[in-house]
């Protein structure tokens, strides 16, 4: 398991019974070995869960966000969520990205190669067909900065392929 900066994973000191459940607030990449006798579940602040069936996946679920983003790299997971007060689930396939909005119950599914979703593990940021507004929001959150834009039409622009590498400055202890 890889935990992204600013993320918190809570788990018991000892797992008991046949369910291993952890709670994630943030972003993490999991590699979970298949074990049908001990189900592995990751809960999120948005009242959704990922039930793991032996897999590699990325999960982004910060408590201040309305969205939960799950990207399946290999294996199988069930994404469990609430819609209209009812429990629902999606069996995900490798190369699938699911975005669930906790506020309106909307769920979107996309095909992906996982490159941009896993770039954080290599200290990279990849914008590919990304709305400019989303890229700015990500940059503000990641680097604790704020941008002001005088021309609102710029929010309609998409960034079509940019790769940035985060560089750690040893002298200041900051990115």
C-alpha atoms as a PDB file:
ATOM      1  CA  UNK A   1       0.000   0.000   0.000  1.00  0.00           C
ATOM      2  CA  UNK A   2       1.189   3.493  -0.901  1.00  0.00           C
ATOM      3  CA  UNK A   3      -0.290   6.476   0.928  1.00  0.00           C
ATOM      4  CA  UNK A   4      -0.307   9.893  -0.751  1.00  0.00           C
ATOM      5  CA  UNK A   5       0.644  13.028   1.168  1.00  0.00           C
ATOM      6  CA  UNK A   6      -2.083  14.507   3.340  1.00  0.00           C
ATOM      7  CA  UNK A   7      -3.820  11.123   3.572  1.00  0.00           C
ATOM      8  CA  UNK A   8      -4.828   9.105   6.636  1.00  0.00           C
ATOM      9  CA  UNK A   9      -5.449   5.357   6.790  1.00  0.00           C
ATOM     10  CA  UNK A  10      -7.075   3.994   9.951  1.00  0.00           C
ATOM     11  CA  UNK A  11      -6.989   0.305  10.825  1.00  0.00           C
ATOM     12  CA  UNK A  12      -7.225  -1.841  13.948  1.00  0.00           C
ATOM     13  CA  UNK A  13      -4.069  -3.128  15.622  1.00  0.00           C
ATOM     14  CA  UNK A  14      -5.323  -6.668  14.961  1.00  0.00           C
ATOM     15  CA  UNK A  15      -7.867  -7.838  12.392  1.00  0.00           C
ATOM     16  CA  UNK A  16     -10.363 -10.307  13.833  1.00  0.00           C
ATOM     17  CA  UNK A  17     -12.975 -12.424  12.068  1.00  0.00           C
ATOM     18  CA  UNK A  18     -13.267 -12.806   8.340  1.00  0.00           C
ATOM     19  CA  UNK A  19     -13.385  -9.087   7.419  1.00  0.00           C
ATOM     20  CA  UNK A  20     -10.358  -6.801   7.254  1.00  0.00           C
ATOM     21  CA  UNK A  21     -11.726  -3.257   7.125  1.00  0.00           C
ATOM     22  CA  UNK A  22      -9.721  -0.036   6.940  1.00  0.00           C
ATOM     23  CA  UNK A  23     -10.814   3.588   6.571  1.00  0.00           C
ATOM     24  CA  UNK A  24      -9.204   6.010   4.122  1.00  0.00           C
ATOM     25  CA  UNK A  25      -9.329   9.787   4.150  1.00  0.00           C
ATOM     26  CA  UNK A  26      -7.126  10.808   1.237  1.00  0.00           C
ATOM     27  CA  UNK A  27      -5.518   8.855  -1.575  1.00  0.00           C
ATOM     28  CA  UNK A  28      -3.840   5.466  -1.552  1.00  0.00           C
ATOM     29  CA  UNK A  29      -2.768   2.738  -3.941  1.00  0.00           C
ATOM     30  CA  UNK A  30      -3.460  -0.795  -2.739  1.00  0.00           C
ATOM     31  CA  UNK A  31      -2.040  -4.145  -3.800  1.00  0.00           C
ATOM     32  CA  UNK A  32      -4.158  -6.787  -2.081  1.00  0.00           C
ATOM     33  CA  UNK A  33      -3.575 -10.535  -2.362  1.00  0.00           C
ATOM     34  CA  UNK A  34      -6.651 -12.662  -3.012  1.00  0.00           C
ATOM     35  CA  UNK A  35      -7.959 -14.219   0.218  1.00  0.00           C
ATOM     36  CA  UNK A  36     -11.610 -15.345  -0.062  1.00  0.00           C
ATOM     37  CA  UNK A  37     -11.737 -16.219   3.643  1.00  0.00           C
ATOM     38  CA  UNK A  38     -10.743 -12.705   4.788  1.00  0.00           C
ATOM     39  CA  UNK A  39     -12.532  -9.990   2.803  1.00  0.00           C
ATOM     40  CA  UNK A  40     -10.665  -6.656   2.555  1.00  0.00           C
ATOM     41  CA  UNK A  41     -12.802  -3.478   2.628  1.00  0.00           C
ATOM     42  CA  UNK A  42     -11.759   0.170   2.346  1.00  0.00           C
ATOM     43  CA  UNK A  43     -14.347   2.650   3.716  1.00  0.00           C
ATOM     44  CA  UNK A  44     -14.439   6.345   2.750  1.00  0.00           C
ATOM     45  CA  UNK A  45     -15.798   9.497   4.423  1.00  0.00           C
ATOM     46  CA  UNK A  46     -18.443   9.673   1.646  1.00  0.00           C
ATOM     47  CA  UNK A  47     -20.249   6.540   2.918  1.00  0.00           C
ATOM     48  CA  UNK A  48     -18.916   4.408   0.098  1.00  0.00           C
ATOM     49  CA  UNK A  49     -16.703   1.327   0.189  1.00  0.00           C
ATOM     50  CA  UNK A  50     -14.412  -0.677  -2.029  1.00  0.00           C
ATOM     51  CA  UNK A  51     -14.737  -4.407  -1.449  1.00  0.00           C
ATOM     52  CA  UNK A  52     -11.568  -6.076  -2.642  1.00  0.00           C
ATOM     53  CA  UNK A  53     -11.476  -9.430  -4.358  1.00  0.00           C
ATOM     54  CA  UNK A  54      -7.672  -9.567  -4.910  1.00  0.00           C
ATOM     55  CA  UNK A  55      -6.409  -6.626  -6.884  1.00  0.00           C
ATOM     56  CA  UNK A  56      -4.367  -3.473  -7.495  1.00  0.00           C
ATOM     57  CA  UNK A  57      -6.331  -0.218  -7.332  1.00  0.00           C
ATOM     58  CA  UNK A  58      -6.095   3.483  -6.543  1.00  0.00           C
ATOM     59  CA  UNK A  59      -8.672   5.178  -4.313  1.00  0.00           C
ATOM     60  CA  UNK A  60      -9.074   8.925  -3.801  1.00  0.00           C
ATOM     61  CA  UNK A  61     -11.534   9.959  -1.063  1.00  0.00           C
ATOM     62  CA  UNK A  62     -10.670  13.138   0.834  1.00  0.00           C
ATOM     63  CA  UNK A  63     -13.314  14.073   3.417  1.00  0.00           C
ATOM     64  CA  UNK A  64     -13.649  17.625   2.076  1.00  0.00           C
ATOM     65  CA  UNK A  65     -14.487  16.303  -1.421  1.00  0.00           C
ATOM     66  CA  UNK A  66     -17.924  15.219  -2.621  1.00  0.00           C
ATOM     67  CA  UNK A  67     -16.374  12.735  -5.047  1.00  0.00           C
ATOM     68  CA  UNK A  68     -14.761   9.349  -4.562  1.00  0.00           C
ATOM     69  CA  UNK A  69     -12.520   8.227  -7.428  1.00  0.00           C
ATOM     70  CA  UNK A  70     -11.580   4.564  -7.831  1.00  0.00           C
ATOM     71  CA  UNK A  71      -9.264   3.278 -10.561  1.00  0.00           C
ATOM     72  CA  UNK A  72      -8.823  -0.463 -11.012  1.00  0.00           C
ATOM     73  CA  UNK A  73      -5.440  -1.499 -12.395  1.00  0.00           C
ATOM     74  CA  UNK A  74      -5.836  -5.281 -12.184  1.00  0.00           C
ATOM     75  CA  UNK A  75      -8.054  -7.868 -10.516  1.00  0.00           C
ATOM     76  CA  UNK A  76     -11.586  -7.187  -9.249  1.00  0.00           C
ATOM     77  CA  UNK A  77     -13.259  -4.816  -6.824  1.00  0.00           C
ATOM     78  CA  UNK A  78     -16.849  -3.975  -6.027  1.00  0.00           C
ATOM     79  CA  UNK A  79     -17.522  -0.286  -5.557  1.00  0.00           C
ATOM     80  CA  UNK A  80     -20.375   0.039  -3.029  1.00  0.00           C
ATOM     81  CA  UNK A  81     -22.275   3.325  -2.701  1.00  0.00           C
ATOM     82  CA  UNK A  82     -25.624   4.877  -1.804  1.00  0.00           C
ATOM     83  CA  UNK A  83     -28.086   6.301  -4.305  1.00  0.00           C
ATOM     84  CA  UNK A  84     -31.484   7.597  -3.218  1.00  0.00           C
ATOM     85  CA  UNK A  85     -30.974   5.976   0.196  1.00  0.00           C
ATOM     86  CA  UNK A  86     -30.458   2.552  -1.362  1.00  0.00           C
ATOM     87  CA  UNK A  87     -27.243   0.537  -1.427  1.00  0.00           C
ATOM     88  CA  UNK A  88     -25.836  -0.051  -4.919  1.00  0.00           C
ATOM     89  CA  UNK A  89     -22.650  -1.577  -6.265  1.00  0.00           C
ATOM     90  CA  UNK A  90     -20.590  -1.841  -9.406  1.00  0.00           C
ATOM     91  CA  UNK A  91     -18.262  -4.715 -10.211  1.00  0.00           C
ATOM     92  CA  UNK A  92     -15.262  -2.953 -11.726  1.00  0.00           C
ATOM     93  CA  UNK A  93     -12.982  -4.329 -14.433  1.00  0.00           C
ATOM     94  CA  UNK A  94      -9.276  -3.553 -15.003  1.00  0.00           C
ATOM     95  CA  UNK A  95      -8.747  -0.230 -16.766  1.00  0.00           C
ATOM     96  CA  UNK A  96     -11.963   1.233 -15.355  1.00  0.00           C
ATOM     97  CA  UNK A  97     -12.244   4.490 -13.399  1.00  0.00           C
ATOM     98  CA  UNK A  98     -15.395   5.168 -11.387  1.00  0.00           C
ATOM     99  CA  UNK A  99     -16.273   8.607 -10.001  1.00  0.00           C
ATOM    100  CA  UNK A 100     -19.034   8.721  -7.397  1.00  0.00           C
ATOM    101  CA  UNK A 101     -20.583  11.999  -6.216  1.00  0.00           C
ATOM    102  CA  UNK A 102     -21.811  11.672  -2.640  1.00  0.00           C
ATOM    103  CA  UNK A 103     -24.065  14.765  -2.863  1.00  0.00           C
ATOM    104  CA  UNK A 104     -26.255  13.734  -5.800  1.00  0.00           C
ATOM    105  CA  UNK A 105     -25.539   9.984  -5.997  1.00  0.00           C
ATOM    106  CA  UNK A 106     -24.304  10.330  -9.583  1.00  0.00           C
ATOM    107  CA  UNK A 107     -21.791   7.750 -10.742  1.00  0.00           C
ATOM    108  CA  UNK A 108     -19.611   8.022 -13.850  1.00  0.00           C
ATOM    109  CA  UNK A 109     -17.432   5.345 -15.410  1.00  0.00           C
ATOM    110  CA  UNK A 110     -14.478   5.808 -17.765  1.00  0.00           C
ATOM    111  CA  UNK A 111     -11.830   3.674 -19.418  1.00  0.00           C
ATOM    112  CA  UNK A 112      -8.266   4.599 -18.450  1.00  0.00           C
ATOM    113  CA  UNK A 113      -4.742   3.258 -18.708  1.00  0.00           C
ATOM    114  CA  UNK A 114      -4.185   4.528 -15.139  1.00  0.00           C
ATOM    115  CA  UNK A 115      -1.198   6.695 -16.046  1.00  0.00           C
ATOM    116  CA  UNK A 116      -2.546  10.005 -14.732  1.00  0.00           C
ATOM    117  CA  UNK A 117      -4.283   8.416 -11.719  1.00  0.00           C
ATOM    118  CA  UNK A 118      -1.059   6.719 -10.544  1.00  0.00           C
ATOM    119  CA  UNK A 119       1.372   9.522 -11.452  1.00  0.00           C
ATOM    120  CA  UNK A 120       1.441  10.783  -7.858  1.00  0.00           C
ATOM    121  CA  UNK A 121       3.401   7.655  -6.884  1.00  0.00           C
ATOM    122  CA  UNK A 122       6.277   8.891  -9.097  1.00  0.00           C
ATOM    123  CA  UNK A 123       5.865  12.504  -7.901  1.00  0.00           C
ATOM    124  CA  UNK A 124       4.339  13.500 -11.248  1.00  0.00           C
ATOM    125  CA  UNK A 125       1.245  15.445 -12.168  1.00  0.00           C
ATOM    126  CA  UNK A 126      -0.351  14.621 -15.523  1.00  0.00           C
ATOM    127  CA  UNK A 127      -3.101  16.719 -17.059  1.00  0.00           C
ATOM    128  CA  UNK A 128      -4.637  15.025 -20.094  1.00  0.00           C
ATOM    129  CA  UNK A 129      -7.936  16.343 -21.457  1.00  0.00           C
ATOM    130  CA  UNK A 130      -8.326  18.088 -18.103  1.00  0.00           C
ATOM    131  CA  UNK A 131     -10.562  21.137 -17.691  1.00  0.00           C
ATOM    132  CA  UNK A 132      -8.439  24.159 -16.793  1.00  0.00           C
ATOM    133  CA  UNK A 133     -10.614  24.755 -13.723  1.00  0.00           C
ATOM    134  CA  UNK A 134      -9.898  21.217 -12.438  1.00  0.00           C
ATOM    135  CA  UNK A 135      -6.143  21.645 -13.052  1.00  0.00           C
ATOM    136  CA  UNK A 136      -6.147  24.921 -11.108  1.00  0.00           C
ATOM    137  CA  UNK A 137      -8.137  23.368  -8.235  1.00  0.00           C
ATOM    138  CA  UNK A 138      -5.677  20.460  -8.067  1.00  0.00           C
ATOM    139  CA  UNK A 139      -2.679  22.820  -8.104  1.00  0.00           C
ATOM    140  CA  UNK A 140      -4.194  25.030  -5.386  1.00  0.00           C
ATOM    141  CA  UNK A 141      -4.820  22.022  -3.145  1.00  0.00           C
ATOM    142  CA  UNK A 142      -1.496  20.315  -3.802  1.00  0.00           C
ATOM    143  CA  UNK A 143       0.718  23.382  -3.312  1.00  0.00           C
ATOM    144  CA  UNK A 144      -1.449  25.402  -0.902  1.00  0.00           C
ATOM    145  CA  UNK A 145      -1.704  28.393  -3.242  1.00  0.00           C
ATOM    146  CA  UNK A 146      -4.598  30.402  -4.608  1.00  0.00           C
ATOM    147  CA  UNK A 147      -5.161  31.625  -8.168  1.00  0.00           C
ATOM    148  CA  UNK A 148      -7.361  34.494  -9.320  1.00  0.00           C
ATOM    149  CA  UNK A 149      -8.632  34.753 -12.869  1.00  0.00           C
ATOM    150  CA  UNK A 150     -10.005  37.970 -14.341  1.00  0.00           C
ATOM    151  CA  UNK A 151     -11.274  36.330 -17.539  1.00  0.00           C
ATOM    152  CA  UNK A 152     -13.895  33.674 -16.850  1.00  0.00           C
ATOM    153  CA  UNK A 153     -13.806  32.306 -20.407  1.00  0.00           C
ATOM    154  CA  UNK A 154     -10.467  30.674 -19.564  1.00  0.00           C
ATOM    155  CA  UNK A 155     -12.347  28.179 -17.346  1.00  0.00           C
ATOM    156  CA  UNK A 156     -13.684  26.600 -20.567  1.00  0.00           C
ATOM    157  CA  UNK A 157     -10.186  25.636 -21.778  1.00  0.00           C
ATOM    158  CA  UNK A 158      -8.915  22.050 -21.594  1.00  0.00           C
ATOM    159  CA  UNK A 159      -5.293  21.035 -21.064  1.00  0.00           C
ATOM    160  CA  UNK A 160      -4.535  18.284 -23.567  1.00  0.00           C
ATOM    161  CA  UNK A 161      -1.220  16.828 -22.411  1.00  0.00           C
ATOM    162  CA  UNK A 162       1.127  18.156 -19.770  1.00  0.00           C
ATOM    163  CA  UNK A 163       3.409  16.253 -17.423  1.00  0.00           C
ATOM    164  CA  UNK A 164       4.988  17.970 -14.447  1.00  0.00           C
ATOM    165  CA  UNK A 165       7.427  16.519 -11.940  1.00  0.00           C
ATOM    166  CA  UNK A 166       7.296  17.604  -8.323  1.00  0.00           C
ATOM    167  CA  UNK A 167      10.726  18.547  -7.064  1.00  0.00           C
ATOM    168  CA  UNK A 168      11.533  18.380  -3.371  1.00  0.00           C
ATOM    169  CA  UNK A 169      13.703  21.220  -2.102  1.00  0.00           C
ATOM    170  CA  UNK A 170      15.927  19.802   0.615  1.00  0.00           C
ATOM    171  CA  UNK A 171      17.000  23.172   1.963  1.00  0.00           C
ATOM    172  CA  UNK A 172      13.467  24.304   2.842  1.00  0.00           C
ATOM    173  CA  UNK A 173      11.733  20.994   3.464  1.00  0.00           C
ATOM    174  CA  UNK A 174       8.982  22.088   1.069  1.00  0.00           C
ATOM    175  CA  UNK A 175       7.875  21.168  -2.415  1.00  0.00           C
END
